[in-house]
């Protein structure tokens, strides 16, 4: 009988060498199962939900994405050497997009709080850039 569940979802892993059944020593919700990529995605989704609650008309039409690194050929008008995010305006039937680059952001931060603040600031900055608004208008805590 083949079990279709992943091993961490099963209540018993196996009975090796007749010593009894083994059980998981920790649950899947504990930090051991959390990767740096997963934490980054969760923090990004939380910030998007937070901004969406305050500005649904600004956040709803925008697509958000996370990529590992920025492309190696930045556009000529981008003078930022530390490219953490990029926004793309809507056009030709494609909705507006905001892309966060995970590796440059993670390499700049020392802890989770700083990571969360940079993600927040980059999302607010790119939303403000897309809509031609001041970042403080979207989030009064921007940059602090």
N, C-alpha and C. Protein backbone atom coordinates (compact mmCIF):
# COMPACT_ATOMS: atom_id res chain seq x y z
N UNK A 1 0.84 -1.18 0.00
CA UNK A 1 0.00 0.00 0.00
C UNK A 1 0.89 1.25 0.00
N UNK A 2 0.69 2.10 -0.98
CA UNK A 2 1.46 3.33 -1.11
C UNK A 2 0.72 4.45 -0.40
N UNK A 3 1.44 5.15 0.45
CA UNK A 3 0.85 6.26 1.20
C UNK A 3 1.12 7.55 0.43
N UNK A 4 0.06 8.30 0.12
CA UNK A 4 0.19 9.52 -0.67
C UNK A 4 0.54 10.74 0.17
N UNK A 5 0.63 10.60 1.48
CA UNK A 5 0.95 11.73 2.33
C UNK A 5 2.47 11.92 2.40
N UNK A 6 2.90 13.18 2.56
CA UNK A 6 4.33 13.40 2.77
C UNK A 6 4.73 12.83 4.14
N UNK A 7 6.01 12.50 4.32
CA UNK A 7 6.42 11.85 5.57
C UNK A 7 6.12 12.66 6.83
N UNK A 8 6.19 14.00 6.75
CA UNK A 8 5.97 14.79 7.95
C UNK A 8 4.50 14.89 8.32
N UNK A 9 3.59 14.49 7.41
CA UNK A 9 2.17 14.50 7.72
C UNK A 9 1.70 13.19 8.33
N UNK A 10 2.49 12.16 8.20
CA UNK A 10 2.12 10.87 8.76
C UNK A 10 2.36 10.88 10.27
N UNK A 11 1.53 10.12 10.97
CA UNK A 11 1.69 10.07 12.42
C UNK A 11 2.87 9.19 12.82
N UNK A 12 3.21 8.23 11.99
CA UNK A 12 4.32 7.32 12.28
C UNK A 12 5.23 7.29 11.06
N UNK A 13 6.53 7.48 11.28
CA UNK A 13 7.45 7.46 10.16
C UNK A 13 7.74 6.04 9.69
N UNK A 14 8.31 5.19 10.56
CA UNK A 14 8.65 3.83 10.16
C UNK A 14 9.02 3.02 11.39
N UNK A 15 9.13 1.73 11.18
CA UNK A 15 9.59 0.83 12.23
C UNK A 15 10.89 0.22 11.72
N UNK A 16 12.01 0.81 12.16
CA UNK A 16 13.28 0.31 11.62
C UNK A 16 13.89 -0.71 12.57
N UNK A 17 14.23 -1.82 12.04
CA UNK A 17 14.92 -2.90 12.76
C UNK A 17 14.15 -3.39 13.98
N UNK A 18 12.84 -3.28 13.96
CA UNK A 18 12.04 -3.82 15.04
C UNK A 18 12.17 -3.10 16.37
N UNK A 19 12.66 -1.86 16.36
CA UNK A 19 12.82 -1.11 17.61
C UNK A 19 11.61 -0.26 17.96
N UNK A 20 10.57 -0.39 17.24
CA UNK A 20 9.38 0.42 17.52
C UNK A 20 9.21 1.52 16.49
N UNK A 21 8.05 2.09 16.50
CA UNK A 21 7.75 3.13 15.52
C UNK A 21 8.34 4.45 15.95
N UNK A 22 8.70 5.23 14.97
CA UNK A 22 9.25 6.56 15.24
C UNK A 22 8.17 7.60 14.97
N UNK A 23 8.20 8.60 15.77
CA UNK A 23 7.26 9.71 15.61
C UNK A 23 8.06 10.98 15.39
N UNK A 24 7.46 11.97 14.73
CA UNK A 24 8.19 13.23 14.55
C UNK A 24 8.47 13.89 15.89
N UNK A 25 9.63 14.49 16.01
CA UNK A 25 9.99 15.14 17.26
C UNK A 25 9.60 16.62 17.26
N UNK A 26 9.19 17.13 16.12
CA UNK A 26 8.75 18.52 16.04
C UNK A 26 7.70 18.61 14.94
N UNK A 27 6.86 19.62 15.05
CA UNK A 27 5.79 19.79 14.07
C UNK A 27 6.24 20.59 12.87
N UNK A 28 5.45 20.56 11.84
CA UNK A 28 5.79 21.27 10.61
C UNK A 28 5.65 22.78 10.75
N UNK A 29 5.01 23.26 11.80
CA UNK A 29 4.82 24.70 11.98
C UNK A 29 5.98 25.32 12.76
N UNK A 30 6.88 24.52 13.24
CA UNK A 30 8.00 25.03 14.01
C UNK A 30 9.11 25.55 13.10
N UNK A 31 10.01 26.37 13.62
CA UNK A 31 11.00 27.06 12.79
C UNK A 31 11.91 26.15 11.97
N UNK A 32 12.08 24.90 12.32
CA UNK A 32 12.99 24.06 11.56
C UNK A 32 12.54 23.91 10.11
N UNK A 33 11.25 23.93 9.88
CA UNK A 33 10.74 23.80 8.53
C UNK A 33 10.72 25.13 7.77
N UNK A 34 11.04 26.22 8.40
CA UNK A 34 11.00 27.52 7.77
C UNK A 34 12.33 27.83 7.11
N UNK A 35 12.32 28.12 5.85
CA UNK A 35 13.53 28.52 5.13
C UNK A 35 13.58 30.04 5.05
N UNK A 36 14.73 30.55 4.68
CA UNK A 36 14.86 32.00 4.52
C UNK A 36 13.93 32.51 3.42
N UNK A 37 13.78 31.71 2.36
CA UNK A 37 12.87 32.10 1.27
C UNK A 37 11.43 32.15 1.77
N UNK A 38 11.03 31.15 2.56
CA UNK A 38 9.68 31.11 3.08
C UNK A 38 9.39 32.26 4.02
N UNK A 39 10.34 32.60 4.86
CA UNK A 39 10.18 33.72 5.78
C UNK A 39 10.04 35.02 5.00
N UNK A 40 10.87 35.20 3.96
CA UNK A 40 10.80 36.40 3.14
C UNK A 40 9.43 36.50 2.46
N UNK A 41 8.95 35.40 1.90
CA UNK A 41 7.65 35.40 1.24
C UNK A 41 6.53 35.72 2.22
N UNK A 42 6.60 35.16 3.43
CA UNK A 42 5.57 35.43 4.44
C UNK A 42 5.57 36.89 4.87
N UNK A 43 6.76 37.46 5.06
CA UNK A 43 6.83 38.87 5.45
C UNK A 43 6.32 39.77 4.33
N UNK A 44 6.63 39.42 3.09
CA UNK A 44 6.15 40.20 1.95
C UNK A 44 4.63 40.13 1.86
N UNK A 45 4.07 38.92 1.99
CA UNK A 45 2.61 38.77 1.93
C UNK A 45 1.93 39.53 3.06
N UNK A 46 2.53 39.54 4.25
CA UNK A 46 1.94 40.26 5.37
C UNK A 46 1.93 41.77 5.11
N UNK A 47 2.99 42.28 4.52
CA UNK A 47 3.04 43.71 4.22
C UNK A 47 2.04 44.07 3.11
N UNK A 48 1.88 43.20 2.13
CA UNK A 48 0.91 43.46 1.06
C UNK A 48 -0.50 43.46 1.63
N UNK A 49 -0.80 42.52 2.54
CA UNK A 49 -2.12 42.50 3.19
C UNK A 49 -2.33 43.77 4.01
N UNK A 50 -1.30 44.21 4.72
CA UNK A 50 -1.41 45.41 5.55
C UNK A 50 -1.68 46.63 4.67
N UNK A 51 -0.94 46.76 3.57
CA UNK A 51 -1.16 47.89 2.66
C UNK A 51 -2.52 47.78 1.97
N UNK A 52 -2.92 46.56 1.65
CA UNK A 52 -4.21 46.35 1.00
C UNK A 52 -5.39 46.71 1.89
N UNK A 53 -5.20 46.55 3.20
CA UNK A 53 -6.27 46.92 4.13
C UNK A 53 -6.46 48.44 4.18
N UNK A 54 -5.36 49.18 4.05
CA UNK A 54 -5.45 50.64 4.10
C UNK A 54 -5.72 51.28 2.76
N UNK A 55 -5.21 50.70 1.69
CA UNK A 55 -5.34 51.26 0.34
C UNK A 55 -5.78 50.17 -0.65
N UNK A 56 -6.98 49.63 -0.52
CA UNK A 56 -7.38 48.55 -1.44
C UNK A 56 -7.42 48.98 -2.90
N UNK A 57 -7.78 50.25 -3.15
CA UNK A 57 -7.86 50.72 -4.53
C UNK A 57 -6.48 50.82 -5.17
N UNK A 58 -5.42 50.94 -4.38
CA UNK A 58 -4.06 51.01 -4.93
C UNK A 58 -3.43 49.63 -5.06
N UNK A 59 -3.69 48.76 -4.11
CA UNK A 59 -3.00 47.47 -4.05
C UNK A 59 -3.67 46.41 -4.93
N UNK A 60 -5.00 46.43 -5.01
CA UNK A 60 -5.72 45.37 -5.72
C UNK A 60 -5.32 45.22 -7.19
N UNK A 61 -5.17 46.29 -7.96
CA UNK A 61 -4.84 46.10 -9.38
C UNK A 61 -3.36 45.77 -9.65
N UNK A 62 -2.53 45.73 -8.63
CA UNK A 62 -1.09 45.51 -8.82
C UNK A 62 -0.75 44.05 -8.57
N UNK A 63 0.11 43.49 -9.42
CA UNK A 63 0.65 42.15 -9.20
C UNK A 63 1.97 42.29 -8.46
N UNK A 64 2.19 41.41 -7.49
CA UNK A 64 3.43 41.43 -6.72
C UNK A 64 4.20 40.14 -6.98
N UNK A 65 5.52 40.27 -7.03
CA UNK A 65 6.36 39.09 -7.26
C UNK A 65 7.64 39.22 -6.45
N UNK A 66 8.26 38.08 -6.17
CA UNK A 66 9.55 38.03 -5.51
C UNK A 66 10.48 37.23 -6.40
N UNK A 67 11.62 37.81 -6.72
CA UNK A 67 12.64 37.11 -7.48
C UNK A 67 13.91 37.07 -6.64
N UNK A 68 14.76 36.11 -6.93
CA UNK A 68 15.98 35.97 -6.13
C UNK A 68 16.93 37.13 -6.33
N UNK A 69 17.24 37.45 -7.57
CA UNK A 69 18.21 38.52 -7.86
C UNK A 69 17.68 39.37 -9.01
N UNK A 70 18.13 40.63 -9.08
CA UNK A 70 17.71 41.46 -10.22
C UNK A 70 18.39 40.98 -11.49
N UNK A 71 17.85 41.34 -12.64
CA UNK A 71 18.51 40.96 -13.89
C UNK A 71 19.89 41.61 -13.98
N UNK A 72 20.77 40.98 -14.72
CA UNK A 72 22.15 41.47 -14.79
C UNK A 72 22.29 42.71 -15.66
N UNK A 73 21.27 43.03 -16.43
CA UNK A 73 21.35 44.21 -17.29
C UNK A 73 20.28 45.22 -16.87
N UNK A 74 20.58 46.07 -15.87
CA UNK A 74 19.58 47.07 -15.47
C UNK A 74 19.36 48.09 -16.58
N UNK A 75 18.20 48.67 -16.56
CA UNK A 75 17.88 49.66 -17.58
C UNK A 75 18.73 50.91 -17.37
N UNK A 76 19.00 51.64 -18.45
CA UNK A 76 19.92 52.79 -18.36
C UNK A 76 19.46 53.89 -17.41
N UNK A 77 18.16 54.05 -17.20
CA UNK A 77 17.69 55.14 -16.35
C UNK A 77 17.69 54.78 -14.87
N UNK A 78 18.01 53.54 -14.54
CA UNK A 78 18.09 53.15 -13.13
C UNK A 78 19.50 53.37 -12.63
N UNK A 79 19.66 54.36 -11.76
CA UNK A 79 20.98 54.69 -11.27
C UNK A 79 21.26 54.10 -9.89
N UNK A 80 20.31 53.35 -9.35
CA UNK A 80 20.51 52.75 -8.03
C UNK A 80 21.46 51.57 -8.15
N UNK A 81 22.52 51.59 -7.38
CA UNK A 81 23.44 50.45 -7.39
C UNK A 81 22.91 49.33 -6.51
N UNK A 82 22.10 49.66 -5.52
CA UNK A 82 21.50 48.65 -4.65
C UNK A 82 20.04 48.44 -5.06
N UNK A 83 19.83 47.67 -6.07
CA UNK A 83 18.50 47.46 -6.62
C UNK A 83 17.76 46.42 -5.77
N UNK A 84 16.83 46.89 -4.93
CA UNK A 84 16.07 46.00 -4.06
C UNK A 84 14.71 45.64 -4.64
N UNK A 85 14.16 46.53 -5.46
CA UNK A 85 12.84 46.30 -6.02
C UNK A 85 12.71 47.11 -7.30
N UNK A 86 11.66 46.78 -8.03
CA UNK A 86 11.40 47.48 -9.29
C UNK A 86 9.91 47.47 -9.53
N UNK A 87 9.40 48.55 -10.09
CA UNK A 87 7.99 48.60 -10.45
C UNK A 87 7.87 48.74 -11.97
N UNK A 88 6.84 48.13 -12.49
CA UNK A 88 6.55 48.16 -13.92
C UNK A 88 5.14 48.68 -14.10
N UNK A 89 4.95 49.80 -14.79
CA UNK A 89 3.59 50.33 -14.97
C UNK A 89 2.76 49.42 -15.87
N UNK A 90 1.45 49.56 -15.75
CA UNK A 90 0.53 48.78 -16.57
C UNK A 90 0.64 49.22 -18.02
N UNK A 91 0.44 48.28 -18.90
CA UNK A 91 0.46 48.61 -20.32
C UNK A 91 0.23 47.39 -21.18
N UNK A 92 -0.44 47.60 -22.32
CA UNK A 92 -0.71 46.54 -23.29
C UNK A 92 -1.42 45.33 -22.68
N UNK A 93 -2.37 45.60 -21.83
CA UNK A 93 -3.16 44.53 -21.22
C UNK A 93 -2.48 43.84 -20.05
N UNK A 94 -1.30 44.29 -19.67
CA UNK A 94 -0.58 43.70 -18.54
C UNK A 94 -0.75 44.63 -17.35
N UNK A 95 -1.18 44.09 -16.19
CA UNK A 95 -1.36 44.96 -15.02
C UNK A 95 -0.02 45.46 -14.48
N UNK A 96 -0.09 46.49 -13.67
CA UNK A 96 1.13 47.01 -13.03
C UNK A 96 1.72 45.93 -12.13
N UNK A 97 3.05 45.91 -12.04
CA UNK A 97 3.74 44.90 -11.25
C UNK A 97 4.80 45.54 -10.37
N UNK A 98 4.99 44.94 -9.21
CA UNK A 98 6.08 45.30 -8.31
C UNK A 98 6.85 44.02 -8.02
N UNK A 99 8.16 44.08 -8.23
CA UNK A 99 9.01 42.92 -8.01
C UNK A 99 10.02 43.26 -6.91
N UNK A 100 10.08 42.41 -5.89
CA UNK A 100 11.10 42.53 -4.85
C UNK A 100 12.20 41.53 -5.13
N UNK A 101 13.45 41.94 -4.92
CA UNK A 101 14.60 41.05 -5.13
C UNK A 101 15.11 40.59 -3.78
N UNK A 102 14.92 39.31 -3.51
CA UNK A 102 15.14 38.73 -2.19
C UNK A 102 16.59 38.78 -1.73
N UNK A 103 17.52 38.34 -2.54
CA UNK A 103 18.92 38.23 -2.11
C UNK A 103 19.55 39.57 -1.74
N UNK A 104 19.41 40.63 -2.54
CA UNK A 104 19.98 41.92 -2.12
C UNK A 104 19.38 42.44 -0.82
N UNK A 105 18.09 42.22 -0.62
CA UNK A 105 17.45 42.68 0.60
C UNK A 105 17.95 41.88 1.80
N UNK A 106 18.00 40.56 1.66
CA UNK A 106 18.46 39.73 2.77
C UNK A 106 19.93 39.96 3.10
N UNK A 107 20.74 40.25 2.09
CA UNK A 107 22.15 40.49 2.34
C UNK A 107 22.39 41.81 3.09
N UNK A 108 21.46 42.74 2.96
CA UNK A 108 21.62 44.03 3.64
C UNK A 108 21.15 43.98 5.09
N UNK A 109 20.27 43.06 5.42
CA UNK A 109 19.68 43.03 6.76
C UNK A 109 20.45 42.13 7.71
N UNK A 110 20.31 42.44 9.00
CA UNK A 110 20.96 41.64 10.04
C UNK A 110 19.98 40.78 10.81
N UNK A 111 18.72 41.21 10.89
CA UNK A 111 17.74 40.44 11.65
C UNK A 111 16.37 40.55 10.98
N UNK A 112 15.42 39.84 11.55
CA UNK A 112 14.08 39.76 10.96
C UNK A 112 13.35 41.10 10.99
N UNK A 113 13.53 41.87 12.05
CA UNK A 113 12.86 43.17 12.14
C UNK A 113 13.34 44.11 11.05
N UNK A 114 14.64 44.14 10.84
CA UNK A 114 15.19 44.99 9.79
C UNK A 114 14.72 44.52 8.41
N UNK A 115 14.62 43.21 8.23
CA UNK A 115 14.12 42.66 6.97
C UNK A 115 12.68 43.10 6.73
N UNK A 116 11.86 43.04 7.76
CA UNK A 116 10.47 43.45 7.63
C UNK A 116 10.35 44.94 7.30
N UNK A 117 11.20 45.77 7.90
CA UNK A 117 11.16 47.20 7.63
C UNK A 117 11.59 47.53 6.20
N UNK A 118 12.61 46.85 5.70
CA UNK A 118 13.05 47.10 4.32
C UNK A 118 12.00 46.65 3.32
N UNK A 119 11.38 45.50 3.58
CA UNK A 119 10.31 45.04 2.70
C UNK A 119 9.17 46.06 2.68
N UNK A 120 8.79 46.54 3.86
CA UNK A 120 7.72 47.55 3.95
C UNK A 120 8.09 48.81 3.17
N UNK A 121 9.30 49.30 3.40
CA UNK A 121 9.72 50.53 2.74
C UNK A 121 9.79 50.37 1.22
N UNK A 122 10.29 49.24 0.74
CA UNK A 122 10.37 49.03 -0.71
C UNK A 122 8.99 48.93 -1.34
N UNK A 123 8.07 48.23 -0.69
CA UNK A 123 6.71 48.13 -1.25
C UNK A 123 6.03 49.50 -1.28
N UNK A 124 6.17 50.27 -0.22
CA UNK A 124 5.57 51.60 -0.18
C UNK A 124 6.21 52.50 -1.23
N UNK A 125 7.52 52.46 -1.35
CA UNK A 125 8.23 53.28 -2.34
C UNK A 125 7.78 52.96 -3.76
N UNK A 126 7.65 51.68 -4.07
CA UNK A 126 7.25 51.30 -5.43
C UNK A 126 5.77 51.61 -5.70
N UNK A 127 4.91 51.44 -4.69
CA UNK A 127 3.50 51.84 -4.86
C UNK A 127 3.39 53.34 -5.10
N UNK A 128 4.14 54.10 -4.33
CA UNK A 128 4.14 55.56 -4.51
C UNK A 128 4.65 55.93 -5.89
N UNK A 129 5.67 55.23 -6.36
CA UNK A 129 6.22 55.49 -7.69
C UNK A 129 5.21 55.16 -8.78
N UNK A 130 4.48 54.06 -8.63
CA UNK A 130 3.49 53.67 -9.64
C UNK A 130 2.36 54.70 -9.76
N UNK A 131 1.92 55.22 -8.62
CA UNK A 131 0.77 56.11 -8.61
C UNK A 131 1.12 57.58 -8.52
N UNK A 132 2.40 57.92 -8.51
CA UNK A 132 2.81 59.31 -8.46
C UNK A 132 2.45 60.01 -7.16
N UNK A 133 2.54 59.29 -6.07
CA UNK A 133 2.22 59.85 -4.76
C UNK A 133 3.47 59.91 -3.90
N UNK A 134 3.33 60.59 -2.81
CA UNK A 134 4.41 60.67 -1.84
C UNK A 134 4.37 59.41 -0.97
N UNK A 135 5.52 58.78 -0.69
CA UNK A 135 5.50 57.56 0.14
C UNK A 135 4.88 57.77 1.52
N UNK A 136 5.09 58.96 2.12
CA UNK A 136 4.50 59.22 3.42
C UNK A 136 2.98 59.29 3.37
N UNK A 137 2.43 59.58 2.19
CA UNK A 137 0.98 59.60 2.04
C UNK A 137 0.41 58.19 2.12
N UNK A 138 1.13 57.23 1.57
CA UNK A 138 0.68 55.84 1.59
C UNK A 138 0.91 55.22 2.97
N UNK A 139 2.08 55.44 3.53
CA UNK A 139 2.41 54.90 4.85
C UNK A 139 3.16 55.96 5.64
N UNK A 140 2.52 56.55 6.65
CA UNK A 140 3.17 57.62 7.42
C UNK A 140 4.45 57.15 8.13
N UNK A 141 4.63 55.86 8.33
CA UNK A 141 5.82 55.33 9.01
C UNK A 141 6.94 55.01 8.02
N UNK A 142 6.78 55.34 6.75
CA UNK A 142 7.78 55.01 5.73
C UNK A 142 9.11 55.66 6.06
N UNK A 143 10.16 54.88 5.96
CA UNK A 143 11.51 55.39 6.17
C UNK A 143 11.91 55.53 7.63
N UNK A 144 11.08 55.14 8.54
CA UNK A 144 11.41 55.26 9.97
C UNK A 144 11.63 53.91 10.58
